[in-house]
Amino acid sequence: RLMQPLGLAATVTLAFAVAASTFAPLLVLGVWWPRLTVVGALAGLSVGTGCALVAIGATFMQVGTSGWTGVLLGQPAAWSAPLAFVTMVAVSRMTPGTTPPHTNRTLSRLHTPESLLPR
């Protein structure tokens, strides 16, 4: 048998790993780091998705289920989310001219307390 069935808990865990590897870095950097570029965001999403899907595929096929390999493949968000963060930052630093216009103004408005906004 090529693929072994996984329980519901393992399947849900792996689905959350994909979300953690893609949307978490995008949301955190998109809200708090004004130098995030579109190219950096897309590169990080691609790396996070690819790494998580490779780990999920390996888990479904029961590849490397023992030792450190099993730990890393069983919890892919532990390494794929930081890798997505690093990729987003690195690619954004290499492509600084692609930052969307008015990013600083939008982030300032987003982070300014309402009591300080003009009425």
PDB file of N, CA and C in Angstrom:
ATOM      1  N   ARG A   1       0.833  -1.181   0.000  1.00  0.00           N
ATOM      2  CA  ARG A   1       0.000   0.000   0.000  1.00  0.00           C
ATOM      3  C   ARG A   1       0.877   1.243   0.000  1.00  0.00           C
ATOM      4  N   LEU A   2       0.621   2.135  -0.934  1.00  0.00           N
ATOM      5  CA  LEU A   2       1.467   3.315  -1.084  1.00  0.00           C
ATOM      6  C   LEU A   2       1.246   4.324   0.025  1.00  0.00           C
ATOM      7  N   MET A   3       0.004   4.585   0.358  1.00  0.00           N
ATOM      8  CA  MET A   3      -0.299   5.583   1.389  1.00  0.00           C
ATOM      9  C   MET A   3      -1.062   4.932   2.529  1.00  0.00           C
ATOM     10  N   GLN A   4      -0.656   5.285   3.739  1.00  0.00           N
ATOM     11  CA  GLN A   4      -1.325   4.778   4.928  1.00  0.00           C
ATOM     12  C   GLN A   4      -2.361   5.800   5.396  1.00  0.00           C
ATOM     13  N   PRO A   5      -3.495   5.342   5.886  1.00  0.00           N
ATOM     14  CA  PRO A   5      -4.482   6.299   6.384  1.00  0.00           C
ATOM     15  C   PRO A   5      -3.988   6.973   7.665  1.00  0.00           C
ATOM     16  N   LEU A   6      -4.319   8.241   7.791  1.00  0.00           N
ATOM     17  CA  LEU A   6      -4.001   9.003   8.996  1.00  0.00           C
ATOM     18  C   LEU A   6      -5.284   9.286   9.744  1.00  0.00           C
ATOM     19  N   GLY A   7      -5.174   9.478  11.025  1.00  0.00           N
ATOM     20  CA  GLY A   7      -6.338   9.829  11.817  1.00  0.00           C
ATOM     21  C   GLY A   7      -6.745  11.268  11.572  1.00  0.00           C
ATOM     22  N   LEU A   8      -7.912  11.609  12.062  1.00  0.00           N
ATOM     23  CA  LEU A   8      -8.438  12.955  11.883  1.00  0.00           C
ATOM     24  C   LEU A   8      -7.541  13.998  12.542  1.00  0.00           C
ATOM     25  N   ALA A   9      -7.054  13.715  13.731  1.00  0.00           N
ATOM     26  CA  ALA A   9      -6.205  14.677  14.443  1.00  0.00           C
ATOM     27  C   ALA A   9      -4.921  14.961  13.662  1.00  0.00           C
ATOM     28  N   ALA A  10      -4.315  13.933  13.099  1.00  0.00           N
ATOM     29  CA  ALA A  10      -3.087  14.133  12.325  1.00  0.00           C
ATOM     30  C   ALA A  10      -3.366  14.925  11.053  1.00  0.00           C
ATOM     31  N   THR A  11      -4.483  14.651  10.414  1.00  0.00           N
ATOM     32  CA  THR A  11      -4.846  15.368   9.200  1.00  0.00           C
ATOM     33  C   THR A  11      -5.099  16.842   9.491  1.00  0.00           C
ATOM     34  N   VAL A  12      -5.800  17.139  10.560  1.00  0.00           N
ATOM     35  CA  VAL A  12      -6.069  18.533  10.940  1.00  0.00           C
ATOM     36  C   VAL A  12      -4.767  19.234  11.304  1.00  0.00           C
ATOM     37  N   THR A  13      -3.885  18.539  12.008  1.00  0.00           N
ATOM     38  CA  THR A  13      -2.585  19.110  12.367  1.00  0.00           C
ATOM     39  C   THR A  13      -1.808  19.498  11.127  1.00  0.00           C
ATOM     40  N   LEU A  14      -1.803  18.652  10.128  1.00  0.00           N
ATOM     41  CA  LEU A  14      -1.073  18.945   8.902  1.00  0.00           C
ATOM     42  C   LEU A  14      -1.723  20.080   8.119  1.00  0.00           C
ATOM     43  N   ALA A  15      -3.037  20.170   8.154  1.00  0.00           N
ATOM     44  CA  ALA A  15      -3.718  21.290   7.495  1.00  0.00           C
ATOM     45  C   ALA A  15      -3.354  22.607   8.172  1.00  0.00           C
ATOM     46  N   PHE A  16      -3.297  22.612   9.486  1.00  0.00           N
ATOM     47  CA  PHE A  16      -2.889  23.819  10.202  1.00  0.00           C
ATOM     48  C   PHE A  16      -1.422  24.140   9.947  1.00  0.00           C
ATOM     49  N   ALA A  17      -0.616  23.137   9.692  1.00  0.00           N
ATOM     50  CA  ALA A  17       0.791  23.382   9.372  1.00  0.00           C
ATOM     51  C   ALA A  17       0.924  24.176   8.079  1.00  0.00           C
ATOM     52  N   VAL A  18       0.089  23.872   7.094  1.00  0.00           N
ATOM     53  CA  VAL A  18       0.109  24.640   5.846  1.00  0.00           C
ATOM     54  C   VAL A  18      -0.295  26.085   6.120  1.00  0.00           C
ATOM     55  N   ALA A  19      -1.333  26.280   6.915  1.00  0.00           N
ATOM     56  CA  ALA A  19      -1.771  27.645   7.245  1.00  0.00           C
ATOM     57  C   ALA A  19      -0.692  28.392   8.014  1.00  0.00           C
ATOM     58  N   ALA A  20      -0.058  27.730   8.969  1.00  0.00           N
ATOM     59  CA  ALA A  20       0.991  28.376   9.762  1.00  0.00           C
ATOM     60  C   ALA A  20       2.210  28.702   8.904  1.00  0.00           C
ATOM     61  N   SER A  21       2.466  27.902   7.899  1.00  0.00           N
ATOM     62  CA  SER A  21       3.632  28.107   7.051  1.00  0.00           C
ATOM     63  C   SER A  21       3.405  29.159   5.979  1.00  0.00           C
ATOM     64  N   THR A  22       2.182  29.562   5.779  1.00  0.00           N
ATOM     65  CA  THR A  22       1.896  30.523   4.716  1.00  0.00           C
ATOM     66  C   THR A  22       1.296  31.815   5.270  1.00  0.00           C
ATOM     67  N   PHE A  23       0.134  31.709   5.876  1.00  0.00           N
ATOM     68  CA  PHE A  23      -0.585  32.913   6.278  1.00  0.00           C
ATOM     69  C   PHE A  23      -0.002  33.594   7.506  1.00  0.00           C
ATOM     70  N   ALA A  24       0.547  32.853   8.437  1.00  0.00           N
ATOM     71  CA  ALA A  24       1.102  33.473   9.645  1.00  0.00           C
ATOM     72  C   ALA A  24       2.265  34.412   9.310  1.00  0.00           C
ATOM     73  N   PRO A  25       3.259  33.970   8.536  1.00  0.00           N
ATOM     74  CA  PRO A  25       4.325  34.913   8.189  1.00  0.00           C
ATOM     75  C   PRO A  25       3.815  36.101   7.375  1.00  0.00           C
ATOM     76  N   LEU A  26       2.894  35.843   6.466  1.00  0.00           N
ATOM     77  CA  LEU A  26       2.359  36.922   5.641  1.00  0.00           C
ATOM     78  C   LEU A  26       1.612  37.950   6.484  1.00  0.00           C
ATOM     79  N   LEU A  27       0.781  37.493   7.397  1.00  0.00           N
ATOM     80  CA  LEU A  27       0.027  38.419   8.234  1.00  0.00           C
ATOM     81  C   LEU A  27       0.926  39.198   9.185  1.00  0.00           C
ATOM     82  N   VAL A  28       1.856  38.517   9.836  1.00  0.00           N
ATOM     83  CA  VAL A  28       2.730  39.201  10.795  1.00  0.00           C
ATOM     84  C   VAL A  28       3.591  40.246  10.088  1.00  0.00           C
ATOM     85  N   LEU A  29       4.254  39.847   9.015  1.00  0.00           N
ATOM     86  CA  LEU A  29       5.119  40.796   8.311  1.00  0.00           C
ATOM     87  C   LEU A  29       4.314  41.855   7.573  1.00  0.00           C
ATOM     88  N   GLY A  30       3.159  41.476   7.039  1.00  0.00           N
ATOM     89  CA  GLY A  30       2.330  42.440   6.323  1.00  0.00           C
ATOM     90  C   GLY A  30       1.779  43.533   7.217  1.00  0.00           C
ATOM     91  N   VAL A  31       1.557  43.223   8.472  1.00  0.00           N
ATOM     92  CA  VAL A  31       1.003  44.205   9.407  1.00  0.00           C
ATOM     93  C   VAL A  31       2.098  44.975  10.128  1.00  0.00           C
ATOM     94  N   TRP A  32       3.242  44.346  10.397  1.00  0.00           N
ATOM     95  CA  TRP A  32       4.241  44.982  11.252  1.00  0.00           C
ATOM     96  C   TRP A  32       5.540  45.390  10.568  1.00  0.00           C
ATOM     97  N   TRP A  33       5.813  44.929   9.358  1.00  0.00           N
ATOM     98  CA  TRP A  33       7.083  45.261   8.712  1.00  0.00           C
ATOM     99  C   TRP A  33       6.822  46.011   7.415  1.00  0.00           C
ATOM    100  N   PRO A  34       7.112  47.300   7.363  1.00  0.00           N
ATOM    101  CA  PRO A  34       6.781  48.105   6.191  1.00  0.00           C
ATOM    102  C   PRO A  34       7.623  47.796   4.955  1.00  0.00           C
ATOM    103  N   ARG A  35       8.683  47.029   5.091  1.00  0.00           N
ATOM    104  CA  ARG A  35       9.545  46.746   3.940  1.00  0.00           C
ATOM    105  C   ARG A  35       9.168  45.463   3.203  1.00  0.00           C
ATOM    106  N   LEU A  36       8.079  44.818   3.595  1.00  0.00           N
ATOM    107  CA  LEU A  36       7.631  43.611   2.887  1.00  0.00           C
ATOM    108  C   LEU A  36       7.204  43.989   1.477  1.00  0.00           C
ATOM    109  N   THR A  37       7.725  43.266   0.507  1.00  0.00           N
ATOM    110  CA  THR A  37       7.373  43.523  -0.885  1.00  0.00           C
ATOM    111  C   THR A  37       6.454  42.413  -1.395  1.00  0.00           C
ATOM    112  N   VAL A  38       5.832  42.683  -2.509  1.00  0.00           N
ATOM    113  CA  VAL A  38       4.953  41.677  -3.121  1.00  0.00           C
ATOM    114  C   VAL A  38       5.771  40.453  -3.527  1.00  0.00           C
ATOM    115  N   VAL A  39       6.938  40.692  -4.087  1.00  0.00           N
ATOM    116  CA  VAL A  39       7.800  39.585  -4.504  1.00  0.00           C
ATOM    117  C   VAL A  39       8.235  38.765  -3.290  1.00  0.00           C
ATOM    118  N   GLY A  40       8.589  39.431  -2.203  1.00  0.00           N
ATOM    119  CA  GLY A  40       8.977  38.736  -0.980  1.00  0.00           C
ATOM    120  C   GLY A  40       7.839  37.922  -0.400  1.00  0.00           C
ATOM    121  N   ALA A  41       6.645  38.514  -0.408  1.00  0.00           N
ATOM    122  CA  ALA A  41       5.472  37.798   0.107  1.00  0.00           C
ATOM    123  C   ALA A  41       5.186  36.549  -0.722  1.00  0.00           C
ATOM    124  N   LEU A  42       5.236  36.685  -2.037  1.00  0.00           N
ATOM    125  CA  LEU A  42       4.973  35.529  -2.903  1.00  0.00           C
ATOM    126  C   LEU A  42       6.044  34.452  -2.751  1.00  0.00           C
ATOM    127  N   ALA A  43       7.294  34.874  -2.610  1.00  0.00           N
ATOM    128  CA  ALA A  43       8.376  33.890  -2.425  1.00  0.00           C
ATOM    129  C   ALA A  43       8.199  33.139  -1.104  1.00  0.00           C
ATOM    130  N   GLY A  44       7.875  33.860  -0.030  1.00  0.00           N
ATOM    131  CA  GLY A  44       7.664  33.210   1.259  1.00  0.00           C
ATOM    132  C   GLY A  44       6.465  32.280   1.254  1.00  0.00           C
ATOM    133  N   LEU A  45       5.388  32.709   0.597  1.00  0.00           N
ATOM    134  CA  LEU A  45       4.212  31.835   0.478  1.00  0.00           C
ATOM    135  C   LEU A  45       4.572  30.561  -0.281  1.00  0.00           C
ATOM    136  N   SER A  46       5.349  30.696  -1.344  1.00  0.00           N
ATOM    137  CA  SER A  46       5.737  29.527  -2.141  1.00  0.00           C
ATOM    138  C   SER A  46       6.614  28.567  -1.337  1.00  0.00           C
ATOM    139  N   VAL A  47       7.598  29.120  -0.630  1.00  0.00           N
ATOM    140  CA  VAL A  47       8.495  28.278   0.164  1.00  0.00           C
ATOM    141  C   VAL A  47       7.729  27.591   1.296  1.00  0.00           C
ATOM    142  N   GLY A  48       6.899  28.350   2.008  1.00  0.00           N
ATOM    143  CA  GLY A  48       6.122  27.765   3.104  1.00  0.00           C
ATOM    144  C   GLY A  48       5.178  26.684   2.630  1.00  0.00           C
ATOM    145  N   THR A  49       4.479  26.960   1.539  1.00  0.00           N
ATOM    146  CA  THR A  49       3.553  25.967   0.989  1.00  0.00           C
ATOM    147  C   THR A  49       4.299  24.732   0.507  1.00  0.00           C
ATOM    148  N   GLY A  50       5.367  24.943  -0.242  1.00  0.00           N
ATOM    149  CA  GLY A  50       6.129  23.810  -0.778  1.00  0.00           C
ATOM    150  C   GLY A  50       6.698  22.921   0.309  1.00  0.00           C
ATOM    151  N   CYS A  51       7.313  23.540   1.320  1.00  0.00           N
ATOM    152  CA  CYS A  51       7.894  22.751   2.416  1.00  0.00           C
ATOM    153  C   CYS A  51       6.822  21.985   3.183  1.00  0.00           C
ATOM    154  N   ALA A  52       5.720  22.650   3.488  1.00  0.00           N
ATOM    155  CA  ALA A  52       4.648  21.987   4.223  1.00  0.00           C
ATOM    156  C   ALA A  52       4.050  20.837   3.404  1.00  0.00           C
ATOM    157  N   LEU A  53       3.860  21.047   2.105  1.00  0.00           N
ATOM    158  CA  LEU A  53       3.281  19.988   1.271  1.00  0.00           C
ATOM    159  C   LEU A  53       4.230  18.800   1.108  1.00  0.00           C
ATOM    160  N   VAL A  54       5.519  19.070   1.016  1.00  0.00           N
ATOM    161  CA  VAL A  54       6.483  17.966   0.946  1.00  0.00           C
ATOM    162  C   VAL A  54       6.436  17.154   2.241  1.00  0.00           C
ATOM    163  N   ALA A  55       6.393  17.839   3.382  1.00  0.00           N
ATOM    164  CA  ALA A  55       6.328  17.134   4.668  1.00  0.00           C
ATOM    165  C   ALA A  55       5.031  16.341   4.797  1.00  0.00           C
ATOM    166  N   ILE A  56       3.938  16.927   4.343  1.00  0.00           N
ATOM    167  CA  ILE A  56       2.650  16.227   4.408  1.00  0.00           C
ATOM    168  C   ILE A  56       2.661  14.999   3.508  1.00  0.00           C
ATOM    169  N   GLY A  57       3.192  15.156   2.295  1.00  0.00           N
ATOM    170  CA  GLY A  57       3.291  14.012   1.389  1.00  0.00           C
ATOM    171  C   GLY A  57       4.135  12.897   1.967  1.00  0.00           C
ATOM    172  N   ALA A  58       5.255  13.268   2.579  1.00  0.00           N
ATOM    173  CA  ALA A  58       6.118  12.267   3.200  1.00  0.00           C
ATOM    174  C   ALA A  58       5.422  11.588   4.373  1.00  0.00           C
ATOM    175  N   THR A  59       4.634  12.365   5.118  1.00  0.00           N
ATOM    176  CA  THR A  59       3.899  11.790   6.245  1.00  0.00           C
ATOM    177  C   THR A  59       2.842  10.804   5.756  1.00  0.00           C
ATOM    178  N   PHE A  60       2.115  11.173   4.718  1.00  0.00           N
ATOM    179  CA  PHE A  60       1.098  10.268   4.180  1.00  0.00           C
ATOM    180  C   PHE A  60       1.719   8.997   3.612  1.00  0.00           C
ATOM    181  N   MET A  61       2.928   9.101   3.067  1.00  0.00           N
ATOM    182  CA  MET A  61       3.581   7.932   2.486  1.00  0.00           C
ATOM    183  C   MET A  61       4.427   7.176   3.505  1.00  0.00           C
ATOM    184  N   GLN A  62       4.405   7.632   4.768  1.00  0.00           N
ATOM    185  CA  GLN A  62       5.138   6.974   5.849  1.00  0.00           C
ATOM    186  C   GLN A  62       6.642   6.946   5.592  1.00  0.00           C
ATOM    187  N   VAL A  63       7.183   8.032   5.059  1.00  0.00           N
ATOM    188  CA  VAL A  63       8.619   8.151   4.819  1.00  0.00           C
ATOM    189  C   VAL A  63       9.267   8.751   6.056  1.00  0.00           C
ATOM    190  N   GLY A  64      10.318   8.143   6.555  1.00  0.00           N
ATOM    191  CA  GLY A  64      11.071   8.689   7.676  1.00  0.00           C
ATOM    192  C   GLY A  64      10.238   8.930   8.913  1.00  0.00           C
ATOM    193  N   THR A  65       9.581   7.908   9.423  1.00  0.00           N
ATOM    194  CA  THR A  65       8.699   8.083  10.578  1.00  0.00           C
ATOM    195  C   THR A  65       9.408   7.912  11.911  1.00  0.00           C
ATOM    196  N   SER A  66      10.733   7.723  11.891  1.00  0.00           N
ATOM    197  CA  SER A  66      11.436   7.543  13.158  1.00  0.00           C
ATOM    198  C   SER A  66      12.553   8.578  13.288  1.00  0.00           C
ATOM    199  N   GLY A  67      12.980   8.799  14.511  1.00  0.00           N
ATOM    200  CA  GLY A  67      14.081   9.727  14.769  1.00  0.00           C
ATOM    201  C   GLY A  67      13.714  11.174  14.478  1.00  0.00           C
ATOM    202  N   TRP A  68      14.766  11.967  14.206  1.00  0.00           N
ATOM    203  CA  TRP A  68      14.561  13.388  13.936  1.00  0.00           C
ATOM    204  C   TRP A  68      13.747  13.613  12.675  1.00  0.00           C
ATOM    205  N   THR A  69      13.906  12.747  11.693  1.00  0.00           N
ATOM    206  CA  THR A  69      13.136  12.889  10.453  1.00  0.00           C
ATOM    207  C   THR A  69      11.651  12.794  10.741  1.00  0.00           C
ATOM    208  N   GLY A  70      11.277  11.842  11.566  1.00  0.00           N
ATOM    209  CA  GLY A  70       9.873  11.689  11.928  1.00  0.00           C
ATOM    210  C   GLY A  70       9.347  12.891  12.697  1.00  0.00           C
ATOM    211  N   VAL A  71      10.162  13.431  13.576  1.00  0.00           N
ATOM    212  CA  VAL A  71       9.748  14.609  14.340  1.00  0.00           C
ATOM    213  C   VAL A  71       9.556  15.806  13.410  1.00  0.00           C
ATOM    214  N   LEU A  72      10.519  16.031  12.524  1.00  0.00           N
ATOM    215  CA  LEU A  72      10.433  17.173  11.610  1.00  0.00           C
ATOM    216  C   LEU A  72       9.293  17.041  10.605  1.00  0.00           C
ATOM    217  N   LEU A  73       9.070  15.833  10.116  1.00  0.00           N
ATOM    218  CA  LEU A  73       7.972  15.635   9.163  1.00  0.00           C
ATOM    219  C   LEU A  73       6.615  15.631   9.858  1.00  0.00           C
ATOM    220  N   GLY A  74       6.569  15.212  11.105  1.00  0.00           N
ATOM    221  CA  GLY A  74       5.312  15.183  11.847  1.00  0.00           C
ATOM    222  C   GLY A  74       4.851  16.560  12.299  1.00  0.00           C
ATOM    223  N   GLN A  75       5.789  17.493  12.447  1.00  0.00           N
ATOM    224  CA  GLN A  75       5.480  18.869  12.862  1.00  0.00           C
ATOM    225  C   GLN A  75       6.126  19.851  11.884  1.00  0.00           C
ATOM    226  N   PRO A  76       5.657  19.888  10.649  1.00  0.00           N
ATOM    227  CA  PRO A  76       6.350  20.696   9.634  1.00  0.00           C
ATOM    228  C   PRO A  76       6.308  22.202   9.890  1.00  0.00           C
ATOM    229  N   ALA A  77       5.321  22.694  10.610  1.00  0.00           N
ATOM    230  CA  ALA A  77       5.250  24.137  10.854  1.00  0.00           C
ATOM    231  C   ALA A  77       6.404  24.620  11.726  1.00  0.00           C
ATOM    232  N   ALA A  78       7.000  23.726  12.499  1.00  0.00           N
ATOM    233  CA  ALA A  78       8.114  24.102  13.367  1.00  0.00           C
ATOM    234  C   ALA A  78       9.321  24.583  12.568  1.00  0.00           C
ATOM    235  N   TRP A  79       9.465  24.124  11.349  1.00  0.00           N
ATOM    236  CA  TRP A  79      10.595  24.562  10.525  1.00  0.00           C
ATOM    237  C   TRP A  79      10.172  25.264   9.242  1.00  0.00           C
ATOM    238  N   SER A  80       8.984  24.963   8.722  1.00  0.00           N
ATOM    239  CA  SER A  80       8.583  25.602   7.464  1.00  0.00           C
ATOM    240  C   SER A  80       8.097  27.036   7.675  1.00  0.00           C
ATOM    241  N   ALA A  81       7.476  27.332   8.821  1.00  0.00           N
ATOM    242  CA  ALA A  81       7.044  28.716   9.084  1.00  0.00           C
ATOM    243  C   ALA A  81       8.250  29.638   9.268  1.00  0.00           C
ATOM    244  N   PRO A  82       9.259  29.275  10.086  1.00  0.00           N
ATOM    245  CA  PRO A  82      10.440  30.145  10.158  1.00  0.00           C
ATOM    246  C   PRO A  82      11.155  30.294   8.809  1.00  0.00           C
ATOM    247  N   LEU A  83      11.161  29.232   8.018  1.00  0.00           N
ATOM    248  CA  LEU A  83      11.780  29.310   6.701  1.00  0.00           C
ATOM    249  C   LEU A  83      11.011  30.281   5.799  1.00  0.00           C
ATOM    250  N   ALA A  84       9.684  30.287   5.902  1.00  0.00           N
ATOM    251  CA  ALA A  84       8.881  31.238   5.133  1.00  0.00           C
ATOM    252  C   ALA A  84       9.148  32.670   5.588  1.00  0.00           C
ATOM    253  N   PHE A  85       9.264  32.893   6.910  1.00  0.00           N
ATOM    254  CA  PHE A  85       9.609  34.223   7.429  1.00  0.00           C
ATOM    255  C   PHE A  85      10.943  34.694   6.845  1.00  0.00           C
ATOM    256  N   VAL A  86      11.958  33.840   6.936  1.00  0.00           N
ATOM    257  CA  VAL A  86      13.290  34.206   6.464  1.00  0.00           C
ATOM    258  C   VAL A  86      13.273  34.497   4.965  1.00  0.00           C
ATOM    259  N   THR A  87      12.537  33.688   4.220  1.00  0.00           N
ATOM    260  CA  THR A  87      12.446  33.898   2.775  1.00  0.00           C
ATOM    261  C   THR A  87      11.781  35.228   2.466  1.00  0.00           C
ATOM    262  N   MET A  88      10.680  35.543   3.154  1.00  0.00           N
ATOM    263  CA  MET A  88      10.002  36.816   2.910  1.00  0.00           C
ATOM    264  C   MET A  88      10.909  38.003   3.198  1.00  0.00           C
ATOM    265  N   VAL A  89      11.628  37.932   4.305  1.00  0.00           N
ATOM    266  CA  VAL A  89      12.523  39.039   4.666  1.00  0.00           C
ATOM    267  C   VAL A  89      13.679  39.136   3.673  1.00  0.00           C
ATOM    268  N   ALA A  90      14.309  38.012   3.354  1.00  0.00           N
ATOM    269  CA  ALA A  90      15.471  38.027   2.454  1.00  0.00           C
ATOM    270  C   ALA A  90      15.094  38.528   1.059  1.00  0.00           C
ATOM    271  N   VAL A  91      14.013  38.010   0.502  1.00  0.00           N
ATOM    272  CA  VAL A  91      13.612  38.423  -0.846  1.00  0.00           C
ATOM    273  C   VAL A  91      13.137  39.872  -0.838  1.00  0.00           C
ATOM    274  N   SER A  92      12.457  40.296   0.208  1.00  0.00           N
ATOM    275  CA  SER A  92      12.023  41.692   0.290  1.00  0.00           C
ATOM    276  C   SER A  92      13.222  42.634   0.363  1.00  0.00           C
ATOM    277  N   ARG A  93      14.266  42.236   1.064  1.00  0.00           N
ATOM    278  CA  ARG A  93      15.477  43.070   1.135  1.00  0.00           C
ATOM    279  C   ARG A  93      16.196  43.122  -0.205  1.00  0.00           C
ATOM    280  N   MET A  94      16.071  42.055  -1.010  1.00  0.00           N
ATOM    281  CA  MET A  94      16.711  42.033  -2.332  1.00  0.00           C
ATOM    282  C   MET A  94      15.899  42.795  -3.386  1.00  0.00           C
ATOM    283  N   THR A  95      14.620  43.050  -3.104  1.00  0.00           N
ATOM    284  CA  THR A  95      13.748  43.740  -4.062  1.00  0.00           C
ATOM    285  C   THR A  95      13.078  44.944  -3.405  1.00  0.00           C
ATOM    286  N   PRO A  96      13.870  45.911  -2.905  1.00  0.00           N
ATOM    287  CA  PRO A  96      13.264  47.014  -2.145  1.00  0.00           C
ATOM    288  C   PRO A  96      12.403  47.950  -2.983  1.00  0.00           C
ATOM    289  N   GLY A  97      12.616  48.004  -4.273  1.00  0.00           N
ATOM    290  CA  GLY A  97      11.852  48.922  -5.113  1.00  0.00           C
ATOM    291  C   GLY A  97      10.429  48.479  -5.386  1.00  0.00           C
ATOM    292  N   THR A  98      10.060  47.295  -4.939  1.00  0.00           N
ATOM    293  CA  THR A  98       8.712  46.799  -5.238  1.00  0.00           C
ATOM    294  C   THR A  98       7.750  46.931  -4.064  1.00  0.00           C
ATOM    295  N   THR A  99       8.142  47.702  -3.044  1.00  0.00           N
ATOM    296  CA  THR A  99       7.236  47.933  -1.914  1.00  0.00           C
ATOM    297  C   THR A  99       6.050  48.752  -2.411  1.00  0.00           C
ATOM    298  N   PRO A 100       4.833  48.338  -2.091  1.00  0.00           N
ATOM    299  CA  PRO A 100       3.666  49.089  -2.569  1.00  0.00           C
ATOM    300  C   PRO A 100       3.706  50.545  -2.084  1.00  0.00           C
ATOM    301  N   PRO A 101       3.213  51.471  -2.920  1.00  0.00           N
ATOM    302  CA  PRO A 101       3.202  52.881  -2.520  1.00  0.00           C
ATOM    303  C   PRO A 101       2.281  53.095  -1.316  1.00  0.00           C
ATOM    304  N   HIS A 102       2.594  54.079  -0.531  1.00  0.00           N
ATOM    305  CA  HIS A 102       1.799  54.475   0.634  1.00  0.00           C
ATOM    306  C   HIS A 102       1.789  53.424   1.747  1.00  0.00           C
ATOM    307  N   THR A 103       2.749  52.504   1.733  1.00  0.00           N
ATOM    308  CA  THR A 103       2.795  51.470   2.770  1.00  0.00           C
ATOM    309  C   THR A 103       2.995  52.073   4.148  1.00  0.00           C
ATOM    310  N   ASN A 104       3.941  52.996   4.270  1.00  0.00           N
ATOM    311  CA  ASN A 104       4.207  53.600   5.576  1.00  0.00           C
ATOM    312  C   ASN A 104       2.995  54.349   6.108  1.00  0.00           C
ATOM    313  N   ARG A 105       2.304  55.074   5.251  1.00  0.00           N
ATOM    314  CA  ARG A 105       1.114  55.812   5.684  1.00  0.00           C
ATOM    315  C   ARG A 105       0.014  54.852   6.139  1.00  0.00           C
ATOM    316  N   THR A 106      -0.171  53.773   5.409  1.00  0.00           N
ATOM    317  CA  THR A 106      -1.200  52.803   5.778  1.00  0.00           C
ATOM    318  C   THR A 106      -0.875  52.129   7.107  1.00  0.00           C
ATOM    319  N   LEU A 107       0.386  51.726   7.284  1.00  0.00           N
ATOM    320  CA  LEU A 107       0.769  51.083   8.540  1.00  0.00           C
ATOM    321  C   LEU A 107       0.707  52.061   9.705  1.00  0.00           C
ATOM    322  N   SER A 108       1.061  53.328   9.480  1.00  0.00           N
ATOM    323  CA  SER A 108       0.955  54.333  10.550  1.00  0.00           C
ATOM    324  C   SER A 108      -0.496  54.507  10.972  1.00  0.00           C
ATOM    325  N   ARG A 109      -1.381  54.574  10.002  1.00  0.00           N
ATOM    326  CA  ARG A 109      -2.808  54.705  10.310  1.00  0.00           C
ATOM    327  C   ARG A 109      -3.318  53.458  11.036  1.00  0.00           C
ATOM    328  N   LEU A 110      -2.834  52.306  10.643  1.00  0.00           N
ATOM    329  CA  LEU A 110      -3.258  51.047  11.257  1.00  0.00           C
ATOM    330  C   LEU A 110      -2.808  50.944  12.709  1.00  0.00           C
ATOM    331  N   HIS A 111      -1.621  51.460  13.014  1.00  0.00           N
ATOM    332  CA  HIS A 111      -1.060  51.302  14.353  1.00  0.00           C
ATOM    333  C   HIS A 111      -1.250  52.499  15.273  1.00  0.00           C
ATOM    334  N   THR A 112      -1.819  53.577  14.775  1.00  0.00           N
ATOM    335  CA  THR A 112      -2.039  54.754  15.611  1.00  0.00           C
ATOM    336  C   THR A 112      -3.283  54.548  16.472  1.00  0.00           C
ATOM    337  N   PRO A 113      -3.168  54.783  17.770  1.00  0.00           N
ATOM    338  CA  PRO A 113      -4.360  54.653  18.626  1.00  0.00           C
ATOM    339  C   PRO A 113      -5.443  55.638  18.188  1.00  0.00           C
ATOM    340  N   GLU A 114      -6.686  55.228  18.331  1.00  0.00           N
ATOM    341  CA  GLU A 114      -7.792  56.079  17.882  1.00  0.00           C
ATOM    342  C   GLU A 114      -7.847  57.402  18.611  1.00  0.00           C
ATOM    343  N   SER A 115      -7.376  57.434  19.859  1.00  0.00           N
ATOM    344  CA  SER A 115      -7.398  58.685  20.612  1.00  0.00           C
ATOM    345  C   SER A 115      -6.461  59.739  20.021  1.00  0.00           C
ATOM    346  N   LEU A 116      -5.500  59.339  19.204  1.00  0.00           N
ATOM    347  CA  LEU A 116      -4.567  60.281  18.598  1.00  0.00           C
ATOM    348  C   LEU A 116      -4.968  60.697  17.180  1.00  0.00           C
ATOM    349  N   LEU A 117      -5.964  60.052  16.620  1.00  0.00           N
ATOM    350  CA  LEU A 117      -6.396  60.375  15.254  1.00  0.00           C
ATOM    351  C   LEU A 117      -7.159  61.692  15.241  1.00  0.00           C
ATOM    352  N   PRO A 118      -7.027  62.454  14.139  1.00  0.00           N
ATOM    353  CA  PRO A 118      -7.798  63.697  14.051  1.00  0.00           C
ATOM    354  C   PRO A 118      -9.287  63.406  13.925  1.00  0.00           C
ATOM    355  N   ARG A 119     -10.072  64.299  14.481  1.00  0.00           N
ATOM    356  CA  ARG A 119     -11.533  64.085  14.451  1.00  0.00           C
ATOM    357  C   ARG A 119     -12.160  64.806  13.322  1.00  0.00           C
TER     358      ARG A 119
END
